[in-house]
Amino acid sequence: MRIGYPCINRSIGCTASHTFRLASYTGERLEKTVKENLACLKKTLEYNREHGLLFFRITSDMVPFASHPVCTFPWQEHFAEEFQQIGKFIRQHGFRISMHPDQFVLLNAPDPGVFQRSIADLEYQTKVLDLMGLSTTAKVQIHVGGVYGDKPASMDRFSESYELLDTAIKNRLVIENDERLYTISDCLAIHKRTGIPVIADSFHHSLLNHGEGFSDLLKPLRATWEAHDGIPMVDYSSQEQGRRMGAHAEHIVPDEFEQFLNETRMADFDIMLEIKDKEKSALLALDIARNDPRLVSRKITGA
């Protein structure tokens, strides 16, 4: 079990999510921005290695407009060496890596244009992980999408659309439950048709479920992950008090996280903390889990 956080480290003075307006696009500006983003990603990973935070979600904004027709700069070739070096660092120190496209990636959208743009974005994010030379345990996670007035038909459309994807995308793609439309059980039903692994979001499950306890679903969830996928990934957060239902907490609640670890002790998985203060809560979570036999926090050296 590894513990980590998504995209941004608030302690190191940089962000790997620099972008700019589409109207300002030039090849020179893209080159400068990607160079800065990659440098910050490396700095973030170095921080995480030093602190034993071995699960990290790379921002989708690493290469701005990479999936847009305006992007003609050959970023894959230009930054190939930098991507390879970062990938080597990731492998040497035993990181688990993921990416998460934004809400506009909708494989079950009825609009063919939305579907094609979704594929383009998935191709980009898959390419980032491929350029780093990461195994298929590095995943790109998406939600199932919309209901569009007919949930069964939309689930069918997702399954049919999934089959149209290139193998390179299929090897990395995973689906996640959400808090409004698709439960873990819905995702498991899609898995039966497609074979796609399922990420469980414990916070979303607490808001939308069919009465199942989260721990009761861990065994069927584990069965959706093959050996080449690695161990399952789980997203964890909690409700921010005084905010709309579904708002992620600003800071981890230690007692709740400790209870979560105890209730899920029977299963091994990597935990992505979707807590707003990022590495601050991740470090506290690591301390809370320090005696959990599943935990991997040591520095790993390997090929």
C-alpha atoms as a PDB file:
ATOM      1  CA  MET A   1       0.000   0.000   0.000  1.00  0.00           C
ATOM      2  CA  ARG A   2       1.318   3.402  -1.042  1.00  0.00           C
ATOM      3  CA  ILE A   3      -0.153   6.727   0.027  1.00  0.00           C
ATOM      4  CA  GLY A   4      -0.138   9.855  -2.109  1.00  0.00           C
ATOM      5  CA  TYR A   5      -1.879  12.989  -3.330  1.00  0.00           C
ATOM      6  CA  PRO A   6      -2.765  14.584  -6.674  1.00  0.00           C
ATOM      7  CA  CYS A   7      -0.978  17.017  -8.946  1.00  0.00           C
ATOM      8  CA  ILE A   8       0.229  19.909  -6.788  1.00  0.00           C
ATOM      9  CA  ASN A   9       2.665  20.186  -3.890  1.00  0.00           C
ATOM     10  CA  ARG A  10       2.040  23.343  -1.869  1.00  0.00           C
ATOM     11  CA  SER A  11       5.388  23.286  -0.054  1.00  0.00           C
ATOM     12  CA  ILE A  12       7.986  23.518  -2.812  1.00  0.00           C
ATOM     13  CA  GLY A  13       7.216  26.834  -4.502  1.00  0.00           C
ATOM     14  CA  CYS A  14       6.335  25.658  -8.003  1.00  0.00           C
ATOM     15  CA  THR A  15       3.529  24.039  -9.946  1.00  0.00           C
ATOM     16  CA  ALA A  16       3.643  21.514 -12.774  1.00  0.00           C
ATOM     17  CA  SER A  17       0.278  22.811 -14.015  1.00  0.00           C
ATOM     18  CA  HIS A  18       1.359  26.019 -15.729  1.00  0.00           C
ATOM     19  CA  THR A  19      -0.745  26.771 -18.778  1.00  0.00           C
ATOM     20  CA  PHE A  20      -1.877  29.760 -20.846  1.00  0.00           C
ATOM     21  CA  ARG A  21      -4.826  30.895 -22.928  1.00  0.00           C
ATOM     22  CA  LEU A  22      -5.470  29.200 -26.229  1.00  0.00           C
ATOM     23  CA  ALA A  23      -5.314  32.547 -28.016  1.00  0.00           C
ATOM     24  CA  SER A  24      -1.754  32.973 -26.709  1.00  0.00           C
ATOM     25  CA  TYR A  25      -0.492  29.695 -28.155  1.00  0.00           C
ATOM     26  CA  THR A  26       2.897  29.660 -29.850  1.00  0.00           C
ATOM     27  CA  GLY A  27       5.406  26.875 -30.153  1.00  0.00           C
ATOM     28  CA  GLU A  28       7.907  28.904 -28.151  1.00  0.00           C
ATOM     29  CA  ARG A  29       5.436  29.473 -25.334  1.00  0.00           C
ATOM     30  CA  LEU A  30       4.500  25.804 -25.224  1.00  0.00           C
ATOM     31  CA  GLU A  31       8.158  24.759 -25.110  1.00  0.00           C
ATOM     32  CA  LYS A  32       8.902  27.132 -22.218  1.00  0.00           C
ATOM     33  CA  THR A  33       5.797  26.057 -20.283  1.00  0.00           C
ATOM     34  CA  VAL A  34       6.400  22.323 -20.655  1.00  0.00           C
ATOM     35  CA  LYS A  35      10.044  22.761 -19.622  1.00  0.00           C
ATOM     36  CA  GLU A  36       8.926  24.510 -16.425  1.00  0.00           C
ATOM     37  CA  ASN A  37       6.238  21.903 -15.741  1.00  0.00           C
ATOM     38  CA  LEU A  38       8.638  18.987 -16.135  1.00  0.00           C
ATOM     39  CA  ALA A  39      11.198  20.634 -13.860  1.00  0.00           C
ATOM     40  CA  CYS A  40       8.535  21.115 -11.191  1.00  0.00           C
ATOM     41  CA  LEU A  41       7.291  17.538 -11.589  1.00  0.00           C
ATOM     42  CA  LYS A  42      10.799  16.279 -10.912  1.00  0.00           C
ATOM     43  CA  LYS A  43      11.096  18.545  -7.867  1.00  0.00           C
ATOM     44  CA  THR A  44       7.739  17.268  -6.595  1.00  0.00           C
ATOM     45  CA  LEU A  45       8.760  13.637  -7.013  1.00  0.00           C
ATOM     46  CA  GLU A  46      12.040  14.294  -5.199  1.00  0.00           C
ATOM     47  CA  TYR A  47      10.081  15.766  -2.287  1.00  0.00           C
ATOM     48  CA  ASN A  48       7.733  12.790  -2.274  1.00  0.00           C
ATOM     49  CA  ARG A  49      10.620  10.313  -2.318  1.00  0.00           C
ATOM     50  CA  GLU A  50      12.244  11.998   0.653  1.00  0.00           C
ATOM     51  CA  HIS A  51       8.995  11.852   2.602  1.00  0.00           C
ATOM     52  CA  GLY A  52       7.861   8.348   1.627  1.00  0.00           C
ATOM     53  CA  LEU A  53       4.837   9.471  -0.403  1.00  0.00           C
ATOM     54  CA  LEU A  54       5.029   6.913  -3.202  1.00  0.00           C
ATOM     55  CA  PHE A  55       1.707   7.410  -5.003  1.00  0.00           C
ATOM     56  CA  PHE A  56       1.296  10.494  -7.186  1.00  0.00           C
ATOM     57  CA  ARG A  57      -1.183  11.738  -9.765  1.00  0.00           C
ATOM     58  CA  ILE A  58       0.473  13.709 -12.554  1.00  0.00           C
ATOM     59  CA  THR A  59      -1.457  16.761 -13.678  1.00  0.00           C
ATOM     60  CA  SER A  60      -3.294  16.616 -16.999  1.00  0.00           C
ATOM     61  CA  ASP A  61      -1.948  20.111 -17.747  1.00  0.00           C
ATOM     62  CA  MET A  62       1.649  18.940 -18.095  1.00  0.00           C
ATOM     63  CA  VAL A  63       1.510  19.756 -21.827  1.00  0.00           C
ATOM     64  CA  PRO A  64      -1.082  22.515 -22.395  1.00  0.00           C
ATOM     65  CA  PHE A  65      -3.402  21.952 -25.363  1.00  0.00           C
ATOM     66  CA  ALA A  66      -1.593  18.695 -26.208  1.00  0.00           C
ATOM     67  CA  SER A  67      -4.799  17.140 -27.561  1.00  0.00           C
ATOM     68  CA  HIS A  68      -5.975  20.306 -29.347  1.00  0.00           C
ATOM     69  CA  PRO A  69      -5.420  20.778 -33.112  1.00  0.00           C
ATOM     70  CA  VAL A  70      -3.576  24.030 -32.365  1.00  0.00           C
ATOM     71  CA  CYS A  71      -0.714  22.100 -30.786  1.00  0.00           C
ATOM     72  CA  THR A  72       1.772  21.512 -33.583  1.00  0.00           C
ATOM     73  CA  PHE A  73       4.956  21.698 -31.511  1.00  0.00           C
ATOM     74  CA  PRO A  74       6.681  18.248 -31.468  1.00  0.00           C
ATOM     75  CA  TRP A  75       6.731  18.021 -27.679  1.00  0.00           C
ATOM     76  CA  GLN A  76       7.016  14.229 -27.623  1.00  0.00           C
ATOM     77  CA  GLU A  77      10.296  14.257 -29.517  1.00  0.00           C
ATOM     78  CA  HIS A  78      11.628  17.513 -28.044  1.00  0.00           C
ATOM     79  CA  PHE A  79      11.199  16.394 -24.417  1.00  0.00           C
ATOM     80  CA  ALA A  80      11.761  12.657 -24.904  1.00  0.00           C
ATOM     81  CA  GLU A  81      14.934  12.618 -22.807  1.00  0.00           C
ATOM     82  CA  GLU A  82      13.329  14.543 -19.937  1.00  0.00           C
ATOM     83  CA  PHE A  83      10.354  12.163 -19.888  1.00  0.00           C
ATOM     84  CA  GLN A  84      12.718   9.177 -19.888  1.00  0.00           C
ATOM     85  CA  GLN A  85      14.730  10.580 -16.978  1.00  0.00           C
ATOM     86  CA  ILE A  86      11.601  11.208 -14.915  1.00  0.00           C
ATOM     87  CA  GLY A  87      10.344   7.708 -15.711  1.00  0.00           C
ATOM     88  CA  LYS A  88      13.647   6.214 -14.591  1.00  0.00           C
ATOM     89  CA  PHE A  89      13.390   8.124 -11.302  1.00  0.00           C
ATOM     90  CA  ILE A  90       9.833   6.855 -10.816  1.00  0.00           C
ATOM     91  CA  ARG A  91      10.848   3.241 -11.400  1.00  0.00           C
ATOM     92  CA  GLN A  92      13.976   3.435  -9.249  1.00  0.00           C
ATOM     93  CA  HIS A  93      12.078   4.669  -6.233  1.00  0.00           C
ATOM     94  CA  GLY A  94       8.986   2.488  -6.485  1.00  0.00           C
ATOM     95  CA  PHE A  95       6.373   5.150  -7.245  1.00  0.00           C
ATOM     96  CA  ARG A  96       2.859   4.369  -8.397  1.00  0.00           C
ATOM     97  CA  ILE A  97       1.636   6.934 -10.925  1.00  0.00           C
ATOM     98  CA  SER A  98      -1.765   7.893 -12.268  1.00  0.00           C
ATOM     99  CA  MET A  99      -3.408  10.608 -14.354  1.00  0.00           C
ATOM    100  CA  HIS A 100      -7.005  11.860 -14.337  1.00  0.00           C
ATOM    101  CA  PRO A 101      -8.497  13.726 -17.329  1.00  0.00           C
ATOM    102  CA  ASP A 102     -11.016  16.467 -16.638  1.00  0.00           C
ATOM    103  CA  GLN A 103     -14.797  16.118 -16.715  1.00  0.00           C
ATOM    104  CA  PHE A 104     -14.957  16.799 -20.454  1.00  0.00           C
ATOM    105  CA  VAL A 105     -13.603  13.343 -21.274  1.00  0.00           C
ATOM    106  CA  LEU A 106     -16.835  11.426 -21.881  1.00  0.00           C
ATOM    107  CA  LEU A 107     -16.623   8.100 -23.664  1.00  0.00           C
ATOM    108  CA  ASN A 108     -20.386   7.629 -23.489  1.00  0.00           C
ATOM    109  CA  ALA A 109     -21.291  11.023 -24.931  1.00  0.00           C
ATOM    110  CA  PRO A 110     -23.895  10.773 -27.735  1.00  0.00           C
ATOM    111  CA  ASP A 111     -22.134  13.626 -29.554  1.00  0.00           C
ATOM    112  CA  PRO A 112     -19.463  12.142 -31.883  1.00  0.00           C
ATOM    113  CA  GLY A 113     -17.395  15.325 -31.578  1.00  0.00           C
ATOM    114  CA  VAL A 114     -17.196  15.012 -27.798  1.00  0.00           C
ATOM    115  CA  PHE A 115     -16.257  11.357 -28.177  1.00  0.00           C
ATOM    116  CA  GLN A 116     -13.443  12.118 -30.627  1.00  0.00           C
ATOM    117  CA  ARG A 117     -12.052  14.885 -28.425  1.00  0.00           C
ATOM    118  CA  SER A 118     -12.191  12.496 -25.490  1.00  0.00           C
ATOM    119  CA  ILE A 119     -10.140   9.940 -27.389  1.00  0.00           C
ATOM    120  CA  ALA A 120      -7.584  12.625 -28.309  1.00  0.00           C
ATOM    121  CA  ASP A 121      -7.154  13.547 -24.654  1.00  0.00           C
ATOM    122  CA  LEU A 122      -6.783   9.918 -23.604  1.00  0.00           C
ATOM    123  CA  GLU A 123      -4.170   9.438 -26.334  1.00  0.00           C
ATOM    124  CA  TYR A 124      -2.208  12.374 -24.937  1.00  0.00           C
ATOM    125  CA  GLN A 125      -2.270  11.175 -21.328  1.00  0.00           C
ATOM    126  CA  THR A 126      -1.417   7.624 -22.325  1.00  0.00           C
ATOM    127  CA  LYS A 127       1.497   8.957 -24.374  1.00  0.00           C
ATOM    128  CA  VAL A 128       2.889  10.826 -21.352  1.00  0.00           C
ATOM    129  CA  LEU A 129       3.039   7.584 -19.357  1.00  0.00           C
ATOM    130  CA  ASP A 130       4.430   5.685 -22.341  1.00  0.00           C
ATOM    131  CA  LEU A 131       7.186   8.272 -22.857  1.00  0.00           C
ATOM    132  CA  MET A 132       8.210   7.754 -19.249  1.00  0.00           C
ATOM    133  CA  GLY A 133       8.521   4.042 -19.900  1.00  0.00           C
ATOM    134  CA  LEU A 134       6.108   3.174 -17.103  1.00  0.00           C
ATOM    135  CA  SER A 135       4.430  -0.198 -16.869  1.00  0.00           C
ATOM    136  CA  THR A 136       0.680  -0.650 -17.236  1.00  0.00           C
ATOM    137  CA  THR A 137       0.315  -0.267 -13.462  1.00  0.00           C
ATOM    138  CA  ALA A 138       0.372   3.489 -14.219  1.00  0.00           C
ATOM    139  CA  LYS A 139      -3.259   4.290 -14.926  1.00  0.00           C
ATOM    140  CA  VAL A 140      -5.478   6.932 -16.514  1.00  0.00           C
ATOM    141  CA  GLN A 141      -8.716   7.131 -14.558  1.00  0.00           C
ATOM    142  CA  ILE A 142     -12.006   8.491 -15.819  1.00  0.00           C
ATOM    143  CA  HIS A 143     -15.631   8.574 -14.736  1.00  0.00           C
ATOM    144  CA  VAL A 144     -18.227   6.662 -16.703  1.00  0.00           C
ATOM    145  CA  GLY A 145     -19.800   9.928 -17.898  1.00  0.00           C
ATOM    146  CA  GLY A 146     -23.338  11.203 -18.224  1.00  0.00           C
ATOM    147  CA  VAL A 147     -26.722   9.500 -18.091  1.00  0.00           C
ATOM    148  CA  TYR A 148     -28.269  11.478 -20.978  1.00  0.00           C
ATOM    149  CA  GLY A 149     -31.802  10.522 -19.958  1.00  0.00           C
ATOM    150  CA  ASP A 150     -31.230   6.766 -20.254  1.00  0.00           C
ATOM    151  CA  LYS A 151     -28.727   5.213 -17.876  1.00  0.00           C
ATOM    152  CA  PRO A 152     -28.779   1.637 -19.255  1.00  0.00           C
ATOM    153  CA  ALA A 153     -28.292   2.958 -22.796  1.00  0.00           C
ATOM    154  CA  SER A 154     -25.461   5.203 -21.608  1.00  0.00           C
ATOM    155  CA  MET A 155     -23.740   2.251 -19.923  1.00  0.00           C
ATOM    156  CA  ASP A 156     -24.131   0.289 -23.147  1.00  0.00           C
ATOM    157  CA  ARG A 157     -22.652   3.170 -25.114  1.00  0.00           C
ATOM    158  CA  PHE A 158     -19.659   3.361 -22.768  1.00  0.00           C
ATOM    159  CA  SER A 159     -18.969  -0.345 -23.244  1.00  0.00           C
ATOM    160  CA  GLU A 160     -19.295  -0.078 -27.017  1.00  0.00           C
ATOM    161  CA  SER A 161     -17.070   3.010 -27.149  1.00  0.00           C
ATOM    162  CA  TYR A 162     -14.442   1.361 -24.975  1.00  0.00           C
ATOM    163  CA  GLU A 163     -14.055  -1.412 -27.527  1.00  0.00           C
ATOM    164  CA  LEU A 164     -13.136   1.187 -30.164  1.00  0.00           C
ATOM    165  CA  LEU A 165     -10.092   2.411 -28.237  1.00  0.00           C
ATOM    166  CA  ASP A 166      -6.524   1.583 -29.158  1.00  0.00           C
ATOM    167  CA  THR A 167      -4.879  -1.115 -27.071  1.00  0.00           C
ATOM    168  CA  ALA A 168      -2.400   1.417 -25.666  1.00  0.00           C
ATOM    169  CA  ILE A 169      -5.299   3.317 -24.065  1.00  0.00           C
ATOM    170  CA  LYS A 170      -7.147   0.201 -22.935  1.00  0.00           C
ATOM    171  CA  ASN A 171      -4.028  -1.022 -21.133  1.00  0.00           C
ATOM    172  CA  ARG A 172      -4.040   2.048 -18.909  1.00  0.00           C
ATOM    173  CA  LEU A 173      -7.679   3.046 -18.601  1.00  0.00           C
ATOM    174  CA  VAL A 174      -9.673   2.537 -15.395  1.00  0.00           C
ATOM    175  CA  ILE A 175     -13.121   3.771 -14.347  1.00  0.00           C
ATOM    176  CA  GLU A 176     -14.224   5.356 -11.100  1.00  0.00           C
ATOM    177  CA  ASN A 177     -17.574   5.716  -9.377  1.00  0.00           C
ATOM    178  CA  ASP A 178     -18.957   9.207  -8.794  1.00  0.00           C
ATOM    179  CA  GLU A 179     -21.256  10.847  -6.249  1.00  0.00           C
ATOM    180  CA  ARG A 180     -24.234  11.582  -8.540  1.00  0.00           C
ATOM    181  CA  LEU A 181     -24.715   9.066 -11.346  1.00  0.00           C
ATOM    182  CA  TYR A 182     -22.662   5.876 -11.318  1.00  0.00           C
ATOM    183  CA  THR A 183     -22.082   3.691  -8.268  1.00  0.00           C
ATOM    184  CA  ILE A 184     -19.327   1.169  -7.682  1.00  0.00           C
ATOM    185  CA  SER A 185     -21.863  -1.530  -8.574  1.00  0.00           C
ATOM    186  CA  ASP A 186     -22.558   0.216 -11.891  1.00  0.00           C
ATOM    187  CA  CYS A 187     -18.822   0.266 -12.597  1.00  0.00           C
ATOM    188  CA  LEU A 188     -18.557  -3.426 -11.729  1.00  0.00           C
ATOM    189  CA  ALA A 189     -21.350  -4.137 -14.222  1.00  0.00           C
ATOM    190  CA  ILE A 190     -19.391  -2.279 -16.922  1.00  0.00           C
ATOM    191  CA  HIS A 191     -16.283  -4.255 -15.979  1.00  0.00           C
ATOM    192  CA  LYS A 192     -18.138  -7.499 -16.680  1.00  0.00           C
ATOM    193  CA  ARG A 193     -18.717  -6.318 -20.248  1.00  0.00           C
ATOM    194  CA  THR A 194     -15.354  -4.714 -20.922  1.00  0.00           C
ATOM    195  CA  GLY A 195     -12.774  -6.056 -18.480  1.00  0.00           C
ATOM    196  CA  ILE A 196     -11.838  -2.505 -17.461  1.00  0.00           C
ATOM    197  CA  PRO A 197     -10.508  -2.241 -13.875  1.00  0.00           C
ATOM    198  CA  VAL A 198     -12.520  -0.256 -11.339  1.00  0.00           C
ATOM    199  CA  ILE A 199     -11.170   2.400  -8.971  1.00  0.00           C
ATOM    200  CA  ALA A 200     -13.227   2.824  -5.827  1.00  0.00           C
ATOM    201  CA  ASP A 201     -13.741   6.332  -4.499  1.00  0.00           C
ATOM    202  CA  SER A 202     -14.731   5.847  -0.862  1.00  0.00           C
ATOM    203  CA  PHE A 203     -16.110   9.386  -0.451  1.00  0.00           C
ATOM    204  CA  HIS A 204     -18.257   9.145  -3.564  1.00  0.00           C
ATOM    205  CA  HIS A 205     -19.478   5.741  -2.397  1.00  0.00           C
ATOM    206  CA  SER A 206     -20.602   7.241   0.908  1.00  0.00           C
ATOM    207  CA  LEU A 207     -22.830   9.628  -1.066  1.00  0.00           C
ATOM    208  CA  LEU A 208     -24.141   7.247  -3.749  1.00  0.00           C
ATOM    209  CA  ASN A 209     -24.518   3.520  -3.214  1.00  0.00           C
ATOM    210  CA  HIS A 210     -27.005   0.668  -3.108  1.00  0.00           C
ATOM    211  CA  GLY A 211     -26.646   0.073   0.612  1.00  0.00           C
ATOM    212  CA  GLU A 212     -23.384  -1.863   0.402  1.00  0.00           C
ATOM    213  CA  GLY A 213     -20.630  -1.268   2.911  1.00  0.00           C
ATOM    214  CA  PHE A 214     -17.415  -0.069   1.275  1.00  0.00           C
ATOM    215  CA  SER A 215     -15.391  -2.934   2.737  1.00  0.00           C
ATOM    216  CA  ASP A 216     -17.917  -5.436   1.334  1.00  0.00           C
ATOM    217  CA  LEU A 217     -17.008  -4.324  -2.192  1.00  0.00           C
ATOM    218  CA  LEU A 218     -13.241  -4.647  -1.854  1.00  0.00           C
ATOM    219  CA  LYS A 219     -13.103  -8.301  -2.901  1.00  0.00           C
ATOM    220  CA  PRO A 220     -15.111  -7.855  -6.154  1.00  0.00           C
ATOM    221  CA  LEU A 221     -13.137  -4.676  -6.844  1.00  0.00           C
ATOM    222  CA  ARG A 222      -9.860  -6.547  -6.446  1.00  0.00           C
ATOM    223  CA  ALA A 223     -11.056  -9.118  -8.970  1.00  0.00           C
ATOM    224  CA  THR A 224     -11.257  -6.415 -11.664  1.00  0.00           C
ATOM    225  CA  TRP A 225      -7.479  -5.849 -11.520  1.00  0.00           C
ATOM    226  CA  GLU A 226      -5.168  -8.251 -13.349  1.00  0.00           C
ATOM    227  CA  ALA A 227      -1.515  -8.795 -12.447  1.00  0.00           C
ATOM    228  CA  HIS A 228      -0.346  -6.362 -15.140  1.00  0.00           C
ATOM    229  CA  ASP A 229      -2.616  -3.656 -13.641  1.00  0.00           C
ATOM    230  CA  GLY A 230      -0.939  -3.771 -10.223  1.00  0.00           C
ATOM    231  CA  ILE A 231      -2.849  -3.653  -6.977  1.00  0.00           C
ATOM    232  CA  PRO A 232      -6.093  -1.637  -6.949  1.00  0.00           C
ATOM    233  CA  MET A 233      -6.196   2.118  -6.462  1.00  0.00           C
ATOM    234  CA  VAL A 234      -8.595   3.761  -4.027  1.00  0.00           C
ATOM    235  CA  ASP A 235      -9.470   7.453  -3.798  1.00  0.00           C
ATOM    236  CA  TYR A 236     -10.070   8.738  -0.272  1.00  0.00           C
ATOM    237  CA  SER A 237     -11.552  11.978   1.046  1.00  0.00           C
ATOM    238  CA  SER A 238     -14.255  13.182   3.395  1.00  0.00           C
ATOM    239  CA  GLN A 239     -16.919  15.868   3.595  1.00  0.00           C
ATOM    240  CA  GLU A 240     -15.840  19.453   4.280  1.00  0.00           C
ATOM    241  CA  GLN A 241     -18.081  20.701   7.064  1.00  0.00           C
ATOM    242  CA  GLY A 242     -20.332  23.634   6.204  1.00  0.00           C
ATOM    243  CA  ARG A 243     -19.926  23.167   2.448  1.00  0.00           C
ATOM    244  CA  ARG A 244     -22.222  21.638  -0.168  1.00  0.00           C
ATOM    245  CA  MET A 245     -22.606  17.887   0.018  1.00  0.00           C
ATOM    246  CA  GLY A 246     -19.735  16.317  -1.906  1.00  0.00           C
ATOM    247  CA  ALA A 247     -17.212  19.092  -1.215  1.00  0.00           C
ATOM    248  CA  HIS A 248     -13.830  17.549  -0.446  1.00  0.00           C
ATOM    249  CA  ALA A 249     -12.288  18.251   2.926  1.00  0.00           C
ATOM    250  CA  GLU A 250      -9.560  20.870   3.276  1.00  0.00           C
ATOM    251  CA  HIS A 251      -7.670  18.694   5.788  1.00  0.00           C
ATOM    252  CA  ILE A 252      -7.742  15.017   6.654  1.00  0.00           C
ATOM    253  CA  VAL A 253      -9.746  13.965   9.717  1.00  0.00           C
ATOM    254  CA  PRO A 254      -7.342  11.603  11.530  1.00  0.00           C
ATOM    255  CA  ASP A 255      -9.957   9.544  13.372  1.00  0.00           C
ATOM    256  CA  GLU A 256     -11.946   8.963  10.177  1.00  0.00           C
ATOM    257  CA  PHE A 257      -8.871   7.925   8.210  1.00  0.00           C
ATOM    258  CA  GLU A 258      -7.732   5.559  10.943  1.00  0.00           C
ATOM    259  CA  GLN A 259     -11.205   3.994  10.969  1.00  0.00           C
ATOM    260  CA  PHE A 260     -11.037   3.621   7.175  1.00  0.00           C
ATOM    261  CA  LEU A 261      -7.710   1.783   7.445  1.00  0.00           C
ATOM    262  CA  ASN A 262      -9.066  -0.534  10.131  1.00  0.00           C
ATOM    263  CA  GLU A 263     -12.241  -1.345   8.216  1.00  0.00           C
ATOM    264  CA  THR A 264     -10.336  -2.166   5.016  1.00  0.00           C
ATOM    265  CA  ARG A 265      -7.470  -4.100   6.610  1.00  0.00           C
ATOM    266  CA  MET A 266      -8.369  -7.234   4.657  1.00  0.00           C
ATOM    267  CA  ALA A 267      -7.444  -5.679   1.308  1.00  0.00           C
ATOM    268  CA  ASP A 268      -4.282  -4.187  -0.169  1.00  0.00           C
ATOM    269  CA  PHE A 269      -4.524  -1.072  -2.358  1.00  0.00           C
ATOM    270  CA  ASP A 270      -2.816   2.236  -3.046  1.00  0.00           C
ATOM    271  CA  ILE A 271      -4.545   5.300  -1.548  1.00  0.00           C
ATOM    272  CA  MET A 272      -4.899   8.606  -3.387  1.00  0.00           C
ATOM    273  CA  LEU A 273      -5.854  11.298  -0.886  1.00  0.00           C
ATOM    274  CA  GLU A 274      -8.141  13.796  -2.583  1.00  0.00           C
ATOM    275  CA  ILE A 275      -7.738  16.243   0.280  1.00  0.00           C
ATOM    276  CA  LYS A 276      -7.289  19.902  -0.604  1.00  0.00           C
ATOM    277  CA  ASP A 277      -4.156  20.614   1.424  1.00  0.00           C
ATOM    278  CA  LYS A 278      -2.337  17.922  -0.564  1.00  0.00           C
ATOM    279  CA  GLU A 279       1.004  16.802   0.898  1.00  0.00           C
ATOM    280  CA  LYS A 280       0.197  18.182   4.367  1.00  0.00           C
ATOM    281  CA  SER A 281      -2.617  15.678   4.841  1.00  0.00           C
ATOM    282  CA  ALA A 282      -0.697  12.971   2.983  1.00  0.00           C
ATOM    283  CA  LEU A 283       2.159  13.228   5.488  1.00  0.00           C
ATOM    284  CA  LEU A 284      -0.298  12.960   8.366  1.00  0.00           C
ATOM    285  CA  ALA A 285      -1.979   9.975   6.719  1.00  0.00           C
ATOM    286  CA  LEU A 286       1.412   8.321   6.336  1.00  0.00           C
ATOM    287  CA  ASP A 287       2.039   8.783  10.047  1.00  0.00           C
ATOM    288  CA  ILE A 288      -1.392   7.404  10.950  1.00  0.00           C
ATOM    289  CA  ALA A 289      -0.711   4.336   8.784  1.00  0.00           C
ATOM    290  CA  ARG A 290       2.859   3.822  10.006  1.00  0.00           C
ATOM    291  CA  ASN A 291       2.016   0.528  11.742  1.00  0.00           C
ATOM    292  CA  ASP A 292      -0.220  -0.796   8.970  1.00  0.00           C
ATOM    293  CA  PRO A 293       1.457  -3.947   7.614  1.00  0.00           C
ATOM    294  CA  ARG A 294       0.341  -3.074   4.083  1.00  0.00           C
ATOM    295  CA  LEU A 295       2.274   0.186   3.993  1.00  0.00           C
ATOM    296  CA  VAL A 296       5.181   0.762   1.608  1.00  0.00           C
ATOM    297  CA  SER A 297       6.996   3.986   2.502  1.00  0.00           C
ATOM    298  CA  ARG A 298      10.634   2.989   2.195  1.00  0.00           C
ATOM    299  CA  LYS A 299      12.875   4.283  -0.570  1.00  0.00           C
ATOM    300  CA  ILE A 300      13.144   1.611  -3.245  1.00  0.00           C
ATOM    301  CA  THR A 301      16.104   1.281  -5.563  1.00  0.00           C
ATOM    302  CA  GLY A 302      15.682  -0.769  -8.722  1.00  0.00           C
ATOM    303  CA  ALA A 303      15.710  -0.773 -12.503  1.00  0.00           C
END
